[in-house]
């Protein structure tokens, strides 16, 4: 069951939180920071120290999603003609 959480459920949660967090804050560093803290707490409560590599991986995934969202949001705002 842990394998399912680590490989499927947590990454889906990270992607959804990254998209939603970027749309709410419009800053690419807020959501990855929150995800790092959240998964660090999960590490301390439910998992052992070997889960820290997943904390780093989920934070990196969140950074990647936030940068992609930032790129697309800037690109869509440039394409809209102003009247």
PDB file of N, CA and C in Angstrom:
ATOM      1  N   UNK A   1       0.812  -1.192   0.000  1.00  0.00           N
ATOM      2  CA  UNK A   1       0.000   0.000   0.000  1.00  0.00           C
ATOM      3  C   UNK A   1       0.862   1.267   0.000  1.00  0.00           C
ATOM      4  N   UNK A   2       2.002   1.230   0.686  1.00  0.00           N
ATOM      5  CA  UNK A   2       2.893   2.390   0.676  1.00  0.00           C
ATOM      6  C   UNK A   2       3.404   2.669  -0.727  1.00  0.00           C
ATOM      7  N   UNK A   3       3.677   1.607  -1.484  1.00  0.00           N
ATOM      8  CA  UNK A   3       4.160   1.762  -2.852  1.00  0.00           C
ATOM      9  C   UNK A   3       3.151   2.534  -3.694  1.00  0.00           C
ATOM     10  N   UNK A   4       1.867   2.228  -3.539  1.00  0.00           N
ATOM     11  CA  UNK A   4       0.820   2.919  -4.277  1.00  0.00           C
ATOM     12  C   UNK A   4       0.788   4.399  -3.913  1.00  0.00           C
ATOM     13  N   UNK A   5       0.904   4.705  -2.632  1.00  0.00           N
ATOM     14  CA  UNK A   5       0.909   6.097  -2.200  1.00  0.00           C
ATOM     15  C   UNK A   5       2.115   6.839  -2.766  1.00  0.00           C
ATOM     16  N   UNK A   6       3.294   6.249  -2.648  1.00  0.00           N
ATOM     17  CA  UNK A   6       4.524   6.931  -3.039  1.00  0.00           C
ATOM     18  C   UNK A   6       4.625   7.112  -4.549  1.00  0.00           C
ATOM     19  N   UNK A   7       4.202   6.137  -5.315  1.00  0.00           N
ATOM     20  CA  UNK A   7       4.394   6.184  -6.760  1.00  0.00           C
ATOM     21  C   UNK A   7       3.212   6.762  -7.542  1.00  0.00           C
ATOM     22  N   UNK A   8       2.009   6.790  -6.959  1.00  0.00           N
ATOM     23  CA  UNK A   8       0.844   7.239  -7.722  1.00  0.00           C
ATOM     24  C   UNK A   8       0.112   8.387  -7.031  1.00  0.00           C
ATOM     25  N   UNK A   9      -0.314   8.173  -5.826  1.00  0.00           N
ATOM     26  CA  UNK A   9      -1.197   9.130  -5.159  1.00  0.00           C
ATOM     27  C   UNK A   9      -0.475  10.429  -4.798  1.00  0.00           C
ATOM     28  N   UNK A  10       0.693  10.336  -4.176  1.00  0.00           N
ATOM     29  CA  UNK A  10       1.434  11.541  -3.806  1.00  0.00           C
ATOM     30  C   UNK A  10       1.826  12.392  -5.012  1.00  0.00           C
ATOM     31  N   UNK A  11       2.321  11.800  -6.108  1.00  0.00           N
ATOM     32  CA  UNK A  11       2.621  12.656  -7.272  1.00  0.00           C
ATOM     33  C   UNK A  11       1.388  13.352  -7.854  1.00  0.00           C
ATOM     34  N   UNK A  12       0.258  12.679  -7.859  1.00  0.00           N
ATOM     35  CA  UNK A  12      -0.972  13.311  -8.346  1.00  0.00           C
ATOM     36  C   UNK A  12      -1.357  14.471  -7.432  1.00  0.00           C
ATOM     37  N   UNK A  13      -1.250  14.280  -6.136  1.00  0.00           N
ATOM     38  CA  UNK A  13      -1.538  15.350  -5.181  1.00  0.00           C
ATOM     39  C   UNK A  13      -0.585  16.523  -5.388  1.00  0.00           C
ATOM     40  N   UNK A  14       0.693  16.225  -5.614  1.00  0.00           N
ATOM     41  CA  UNK A  14       1.687  17.279  -5.829  1.00  0.00           C
ATOM     42  C   UNK A  14       1.366  18.079  -7.089  1.00  0.00           C
ATOM     43  N   UNK A  15       1.002  17.404  -8.163  1.00  0.00           N
ATOM     44  CA  UNK A  15       0.670  18.108  -9.401  1.00  0.00           C
ATOM     45  C   UNK A  15      -0.552  18.993  -9.204  1.00  0.00           C
ATOM     46  N   UNK A  16      -1.588  18.472  -8.574  1.00  0.00           N
ATOM     47  CA  UNK A  16      -2.807  19.262  -8.340  1.00  0.00           C
ATOM     48  C   UNK A  16      -2.525  20.448  -7.429  1.00  0.00           C
ATOM     49  N   UNK A  17      -1.770  20.209  -6.351  1.00  0.00           N
ATOM     50  CA  UNK A  17      -1.425  21.309  -5.441  1.00  0.00           C
ATOM     51  C   UNK A  17      -0.541  22.344  -6.123  1.00  0.00           C
ATOM     52  N   UNK A  18       0.355  21.919  -6.982  1.00  0.00           N
ATOM     53  CA  UNK A  18       1.246  22.856  -7.678  1.00  0.00           C
ATOM     54  C   UNK A  18       0.475  23.751  -8.641  1.00  0.00           C
ATOM     55  N   UNK A  19      -0.430  23.155  -9.386  1.00  0.00           N
ATOM     56  CA  UNK A  19      -1.243  23.949 -10.318  1.00  0.00           C
ATOM     57  C   UNK A  19      -2.147  24.908  -9.550  1.00  0.00           C
ATOM     58  N   UNK A  20      -2.850  24.386  -8.556  1.00  0.00           N
ATOM     59  CA  UNK A  20      -3.742  25.239  -7.763  1.00  0.00           C
ATOM     60  C   UNK A  20      -2.989  26.314  -6.995  1.00  0.00           C
ATOM     61  N   UNK A  21      -1.855  25.956  -6.424  1.00  0.00           N
ATOM     62  CA  UNK A  21      -1.061  26.928  -5.673  1.00  0.00           C
ATOM     63  C   UNK A  21      -0.514  28.027  -6.550  1.00  0.00           C
ATOM     64  N   UNK A  22      -0.078  27.674  -7.753  1.00  0.00           N
ATOM     65  CA  UNK A  22       0.412  28.714  -8.660  1.00  0.00           C
ATOM     66  C   UNK A  22      -0.726  29.625  -9.109  1.00  0.00           C
ATOM     67  N   UNK A  23      -1.883  29.055  -9.389  1.00  0.00           N
ATOM     68  CA  UNK A  23      -3.010  29.884  -9.823  1.00  0.00           C
ATOM     69  C   UNK A  23      -3.481  30.820  -8.711  1.00  0.00           C
ATOM     70  N   UNK A  24      -3.358  30.381  -7.462  1.00  0.00           N
ATOM     71  CA  UNK A  24      -3.764  31.235  -6.343  1.00  0.00           C
ATOM     72  C   UNK A  24      -2.745  32.317  -6.026  1.00  0.00           C
ATOM     73  N   UNK A  25      -1.468  31.960  -6.011  1.00  0.00           N
ATOM     74  CA  UNK A  25      -0.445  32.900  -5.549  1.00  0.00           C
ATOM     75  C   UNK A  25       0.292  33.626  -6.664  1.00  0.00           C
ATOM     76  N   UNK A  26       0.331  33.055  -7.865  1.00  0.00           N
ATOM     77  CA  UNK A  26       1.072  33.597  -9.006  1.00  0.00           C
ATOM     78  C   UNK A  26       2.574  33.700  -8.724  1.00  0.00           C
ATOM     79  N   UNK A  27       3.060  32.917  -7.783  1.00  0.00           N
ATOM     80  CA  UNK A  27       4.483  32.874  -7.464  1.00  0.00           C
ATOM     81  C   UNK A  27       4.949  31.431  -7.563  1.00  0.00           C
ATOM     82  N   UNK A  28       6.094  31.224  -8.190  1.00  0.00           N
ATOM     83  CA  UNK A  28       6.534  29.863  -8.455  1.00  0.00           C
ATOM     84  C   UNK A  28       7.293  29.227  -7.300  1.00  0.00           C
ATOM     85  N   UNK A  29       7.529  29.943  -6.216  1.00  0.00           N
ATOM     86  CA  UNK A  29       8.291  29.376  -5.103  1.00  0.00           C
ATOM     87  C   UNK A  29       7.440  29.025  -3.888  1.00  0.00           C
ATOM     88  N   UNK A  30       6.207  29.476  -3.834  1.00  0.00           N
ATOM     89  CA  UNK A  30       5.380  29.264  -2.648  1.00  0.00           C
ATOM     90  C   UNK A  30       4.941  27.806  -2.528  1.00  0.00           C
ATOM     91  N   UNK A  31       4.363  27.261  -3.557  1.00  0.00           N
ATOM     92  CA  UNK A  31       3.853  25.892  -3.496  1.00  0.00           C
ATOM     93  C   UNK A  31       4.953  24.852  -3.310  1.00  0.00           C
ATOM     94  N   UNK A  32       6.095  24.941  -4.001  1.00  0.00           N
ATOM     95  CA  UNK A  32       7.158  23.968  -3.704  1.00  0.00           C
ATOM     96  C   UNK A  32       7.637  24.018  -2.253  1.00  0.00           C
ATOM     97  N   UNK A  33       7.657  25.211  -1.677  1.00  0.00           N
ATOM     98  CA  UNK A  33       8.043  25.330  -0.269  1.00  0.00           C
ATOM     99  C   UNK A  33       7.028  24.654   0.644  1.00  0.00           C
ATOM    100  N   UNK A  34       5.761  24.871   0.364  1.00  0.00           N
ATOM    101  CA  UNK A  34       4.701  24.242   1.159  1.00  0.00           C
ATOM    102  C   UNK A  34       4.759  22.725   1.016  1.00  0.00           C
ATOM    103  N   UNK A  35       4.983  22.248  -0.194  1.00  0.00           N
ATOM    104  CA  UNK A  35       5.062  20.806  -0.430  1.00  0.00           C
ATOM    105  C   UNK A  35       6.260  20.209   0.295  1.00  0.00           C
ATOM    106  N   UNK A  36       7.391  20.911   0.297  1.00  0.00           N
ATOM    107  CA  UNK A  36       8.564  20.423   1.018  1.00  0.00           C
ATOM    108  C   UNK A  36       8.264  20.284   2.509  1.00  0.00           C
ATOM    109  N   UNK A  37       7.640  21.280   3.087  1.00  0.00           N
ATOM    110  CA  UNK A  37       7.307  21.232   4.517  1.00  0.00           C
ATOM    111  C   UNK A  37       6.279  20.138   4.793  1.00  0.00           C
ATOM    112  N   UNK A  38       5.253  20.042   3.965  1.00  0.00           N
ATOM    113  CA  UNK A  38       4.208  19.040   4.160  1.00  0.00           C
ATOM    114  C   UNK A  38       4.768  17.625   4.108  1.00  0.00           C
ATOM    115  N   UNK A  39       5.569  17.334   3.099  1.00  0.00           N
ATOM    116  CA  UNK A  39       6.125  15.989   2.988  1.00  0.00           C
ATOM    117  C   UNK A  39       7.226  15.731   4.020  1.00  0.00           C
ATOM    118  N   UNK A  40       7.863  16.780   4.510  1.00  0.00           N
ATOM    119  CA  UNK A  40       8.809  16.590   5.618  1.00  0.00           C
ATOM    120  C   UNK A  40       8.063  16.140   6.873  1.00  0.00           C
ATOM    121  N   UNK A  41       6.886  16.713   7.108  1.00  0.00           N
ATOM    122  CA  UNK A  41       6.073  16.258   8.233  1.00  0.00           C
ATOM    123  C   UNK A  41       5.610  14.818   8.041  1.00  0.00           C
ATOM    124  N   UNK A  42       5.232  14.468   6.822  1.00  0.00           N
ATOM    125  CA  UNK A  42       4.870  13.071   6.549  1.00  0.00           C
ATOM    126  C   UNK A  42       6.041  12.142   6.815  1.00  0.00           C
ATOM    127  N   UNK A  43       7.228  12.591   6.442  1.00  0.00           N
ATOM    128  CA  UNK A  43       8.440  11.813   6.705  1.00  0.00           C
ATOM    129  C   UNK A  43       8.596  11.554   8.191  1.00  0.00           C
ATOM    130  N   UNK A  44       8.420  12.568   8.988  1.00  0.00           N
ATOM    131  CA  UNK A  44       8.613  12.423  10.428  1.00  0.00           C
ATOM    132  C   UNK A  44       7.520  11.581  11.083  1.00  0.00           C
ATOM    133  N   UNK A  45       6.312  11.677  10.576  1.00  0.00           N
ATOM    134  CA  UNK A  45       5.187  11.005  11.220  1.00  0.00           C
ATOM    135  C   UNK A  45       5.015   9.562  10.748  1.00  0.00           C
ATOM    136  N   UNK A  46       5.065   9.328   9.429  1.00  0.00           N
ATOM    137  CA  UNK A  46       4.686   8.022   8.904  1.00  0.00           C
ATOM    138  C   UNK A  46       5.830   7.178   8.344  1.00  0.00           C
ATOM    139  N   UNK A  47       6.901   7.818   7.896  1.00  0.00           N
ATOM    140  CA  UNK A  47       7.945   7.086   7.185  1.00  0.00           C
ATOM    141  C   UNK A  47       9.279   7.215   7.922  1.00  0.00           C
ATOM    142  N   UNK A  48      10.294   6.524   7.397  1.00  0.00           N
ATOM    143  CA  UNK A  48      11.628   6.641   7.976  1.00  0.00           C
ATOM    144  C   UNK A  48      12.473   7.600   7.138  1.00  0.00           C
ATOM    145  N   UNK A  49      13.753   7.689   7.459  1.00  0.00           N
ATOM    146  CA  UNK A  49      14.632   8.661   6.820  1.00  0.00           C
ATOM    147  C   UNK A  49      14.823   8.415   5.327  1.00  0.00           C
ATOM    148  N   UNK A  50      14.621   7.205   4.876  1.00  0.00           N
ATOM    149  CA  UNK A  50      14.805   6.912   3.457  1.00  0.00           C
ATOM    150  C   UNK A  50      13.727   7.580   2.592  1.00  0.00           C
ATOM    151  N   UNK A  51      12.651   8.059   3.194  1.00  0.00           N
ATOM    152  CA  UNK A  51      11.598   8.755   2.452  1.00  0.00           C
ATOM    153  C   UNK A  51      12.044  10.160   2.048  1.00  0.00           C
ATOM    154  N   UNK A  52      13.152  10.650   2.614  1.00  0.00           N
ATOM    155  CA  UNK A  52      13.591  12.016   2.310  1.00  0.00           C
ATOM    156  C   UNK A  52      13.915  12.194   0.832  1.00  0.00           C
ATOM    157  N   UNK A  53      14.382  11.154   0.171  1.00  0.00           N
ATOM    158  CA  UNK A  53      14.641  11.264  -1.260  1.00  0.00           C
ATOM    159  C   UNK A  53      13.348  11.542  -2.021  1.00  0.00           C
ATOM    160  N   UNK A  54      12.235  11.005  -1.525  1.00  0.00           N
ATOM    161  CA  UNK A  54      10.939  11.286  -2.153  1.00  0.00           C
ATOM    162  C   UNK A  54      10.488  12.708  -1.852  1.00  0.00           C
ATOM    163  N   UNK A  55      10.818  13.210  -0.677  1.00  0.00           N
ATOM    164  CA  UNK A  55      10.508  14.609  -0.348  1.00  0.00           C
ATOM    165  C   UNK A  55      11.203  15.524  -1.358  1.00  0.00           C
ATOM    166  N   UNK A  56      12.471  15.236  -1.640  1.00  0.00           N
ATOM    167  CA  UNK A  56      13.209  16.029  -2.621  1.00  0.00           C
ATOM    168  C   UNK A  56      12.593  15.861  -4.022  1.00  0.00           C
ATOM    169  N   UNK A  57      12.230  14.637  -4.380  1.00  0.00           N
ATOM    170  CA  UNK A  57      11.645  14.385  -5.703  1.00  0.00           C
ATOM    171  C   UNK A  57      10.305  15.104  -5.863  1.00  0.00           C
ATOM    172  N   UNK A  58       9.461  15.070  -4.842  1.00  0.00           N
ATOM    173  CA  UNK A  58       8.165  15.748  -4.930  1.00  0.00           C
ATOM    174  C   UNK A  58       8.347  17.259  -4.987  1.00  0.00           C
ATOM    175  N   UNK A  59       9.326  17.781  -4.247  1.00  0.00           N
ATOM    176  CA  UNK A  59       9.608  19.220  -4.302  1.00  0.00           C
ATOM    177  C   UNK A  59      10.106  19.606  -5.690  1.00  0.00           C
ATOM    178  N   UNK A  60      10.964  18.783  -6.274  1.00  0.00           N
ATOM    179  CA  UNK A  60      11.456  19.050  -7.632  1.00  0.00           C
ATOM    180  C   UNK A  60      10.317  18.992  -8.648  1.00  0.00           C
ATOM    181  N   UNK A  61       9.430  18.027  -8.499  1.00  0.00           N
ATOM    182  CA  UNK A  61       8.261  17.934  -9.377  1.00  0.00           C
ATOM    183  C   UNK A  61       7.405  19.184  -9.257  1.00  0.00           C
ATOM    184  N   UNK A  62       7.227  19.667  -8.053  1.00  0.00           N
ATOM    185  CA  UNK A  62       6.441  20.870  -7.838  1.00  0.00           C
ATOM    186  C   UNK A  62       7.116  22.094  -8.457  1.00  0.00           C
ATOM    187  N   UNK A  63       8.428  22.181  -8.354  1.00  0.00           N
ATOM    188  CA  UNK A  63       9.157  23.287  -8.978  1.00  0.00           C
ATOM    189  C   UNK A  63       8.985  23.238 -10.493  1.00  0.00           C
ATOM    190  N   UNK A  64       9.100  22.054 -11.062  1.00  0.00           N
ATOM    191  CA  UNK A  64       8.951  21.898 -12.517  1.00  0.00           C
ATOM    192  C   UNK A  64       7.550  22.315 -12.962  1.00  0.00           C
ATOM    193  N   UNK A  65       6.533  21.857 -12.243  1.00  0.00           N
ATOM    194  CA  UNK A  65       5.150  22.210 -12.588  1.00  0.00           C
ATOM    195  C   UNK A  65       4.933  23.715 -12.457  1.00  0.00           C
ATOM    196  N   UNK A  66       5.469  24.328 -11.411  1.00  0.00           N
ATOM    197  CA  UNK A  66       5.308  25.767 -11.205  1.00  0.00           C
ATOM    198  C   UNK A  66       5.989  26.568 -12.308  1.00  0.00           C
ATOM    199  N   UNK A  67       7.169  26.146 -12.731  1.00  0.00           N
ATOM    200  CA  UNK A  67       7.867  26.845 -13.813  1.00  0.00           C
ATOM    201  C   UNK A  67       7.105  26.694 -15.128  1.00  0.00           C
ATOM    202  N   UNK A  68       6.585  25.507 -15.390  1.00  0.00           N
ATOM    203  CA  UNK A  68       5.781  25.299 -16.599  1.00  0.00           C
ATOM    204  C   UNK A  68       4.526  26.172 -16.563  1.00  0.00           C
ATOM    205  N   UNK A  69       3.864  26.216 -15.422  1.00  0.00           N
ATOM    206  CA  UNK A  69       2.672  27.066 -15.289  1.00  0.00           C
ATOM    207  C   UNK A  69       3.029  28.536 -15.491  1.00  0.00           C
ATOM    208  N   UNK A  70       4.144  28.961 -14.936  1.00  0.00           N
ATOM    209  CA  UNK A  70       4.590  30.341 -15.094  1.00  0.00           C
ATOM    210  C   UNK A  70       4.848  30.659 -16.566  1.00  0.00           C
ATOM    211  N   UNK A  71       5.514  29.738 -17.252  1.00  0.00           N
ATOM    212  CA  UNK A  71       5.799  29.930 -18.672  1.00  0.00           C
ATOM    213  C   UNK A  71       4.510  30.042 -19.482  1.00  0.00           C
ATOM    214  N   UNK A  72       3.562  29.137 -19.262  1.00  0.00           N
ATOM    215  CA  UNK A  72       2.323  29.161 -20.030  1.00  0.00           C
ATOM    216  C   UNK A  72       1.447  30.363 -19.682  1.00  0.00           C
ATOM    217  N   UNK A  73       1.448  30.760 -18.429  1.00  0.00           N
ATOM    218  CA  UNK A  73       0.641  31.922 -18.053  1.00  0.00           C
ATOM    219  C   UNK A  73       1.199  33.197 -18.689  1.00  0.00           C
ATOM    220  N   UNK A  74       2.510  33.338 -18.701  1.00  0.00           N
ATOM    221  CA  UNK A  74       3.115  34.510 -19.336  1.00  0.00           C
ATOM    222  C   UNK A  74       2.890  34.485 -20.842  1.00  0.00           C
ATOM    223  N   UNK A  75       2.970  33.300 -21.425  1.00  0.00           N
ATOM    224  CA  UNK A  75       2.774  33.181 -22.871  1.00  0.00           C
ATOM    225  C   UNK A  75       1.345  33.495 -23.260  1.00  0.00           C
ATOM    226  N   UNK A  76       0.363  33.056 -22.473  1.00  0.00           N
ATOM    227  CA  UNK A  76      -1.035  33.322 -22.816  1.00  0.00           C
ATOM    228  C   UNK A  76      -1.378  34.799 -22.612  1.00  0.00           C
ATOM    229  N   UNK A  77      -0.737  35.444 -21.626  1.00  0.00           N
ATOM    230  CA  UNK A  77      -1.000  36.863 -21.424  1.00  0.00           C
ATOM    231  C   UNK A  77      -0.389  37.715 -22.542  1.00  0.00           C
ATOM    232  N   UNK A  78       0.708  37.272 -23.133  1.00  0.00           N
ATOM    233  CA  UNK A  78       1.312  38.016 -24.236  1.00  0.00           C
ATOM    234  C   UNK A  78       0.502  37.872 -25.507  1.00  0.00           C
ATOM    235  N   UNK A  79      -0.194  36.766 -25.685  1.00  0.00           N
ATOM    236  CA  UNK A  79      -0.951  36.532 -26.911  1.00  0.00           C
ATOM    237  C   UNK A  79      -2.273  37.284 -26.939  1.00  0.00           C
ATOM    238  N   UNK A  80      -2.795  37.656 -25.780  1.00  0.00           N
ATOM    239  CA  UNK A  80      -4.067  38.362 -25.758  1.00  0.00           C
ATOM    240  C   UNK A  80      -3.878  39.809 -26.244  1.00  0.00           C
ATOM    241  N   UNK A  81      -4.637  40.198 -27.257  1.00  0.00           N
ATOM    242  CA  UNK A  81      -4.505  41.586 -27.721  1.00  0.00           C
ATOM    243  C   UNK A  81      -5.210  42.544 -26.752  1.00  0.00           C
ATOM    244  N   UNK A  82      -4.588  43.667 -26.502  1.00  0.00           N
ATOM    245  CA  UNK A  82      -5.200  44.681 -25.632  1.00  0.00           C
ATOM    246  C   UNK A  82      -5.969  45.654 -26.499  1.00  0.00           C
ATOM    247  N   UNK A  83      -7.110  46.093 -26.013  1.00  0.00           N
ATOM    248  CA  UNK A  83      -7.934  47.018 -26.801  1.00  0.00           C
ATOM    249  C   UNK A  83      -8.033  48.339 -26.101  1.00  0.00           C
TER     250      UNK A  83
END
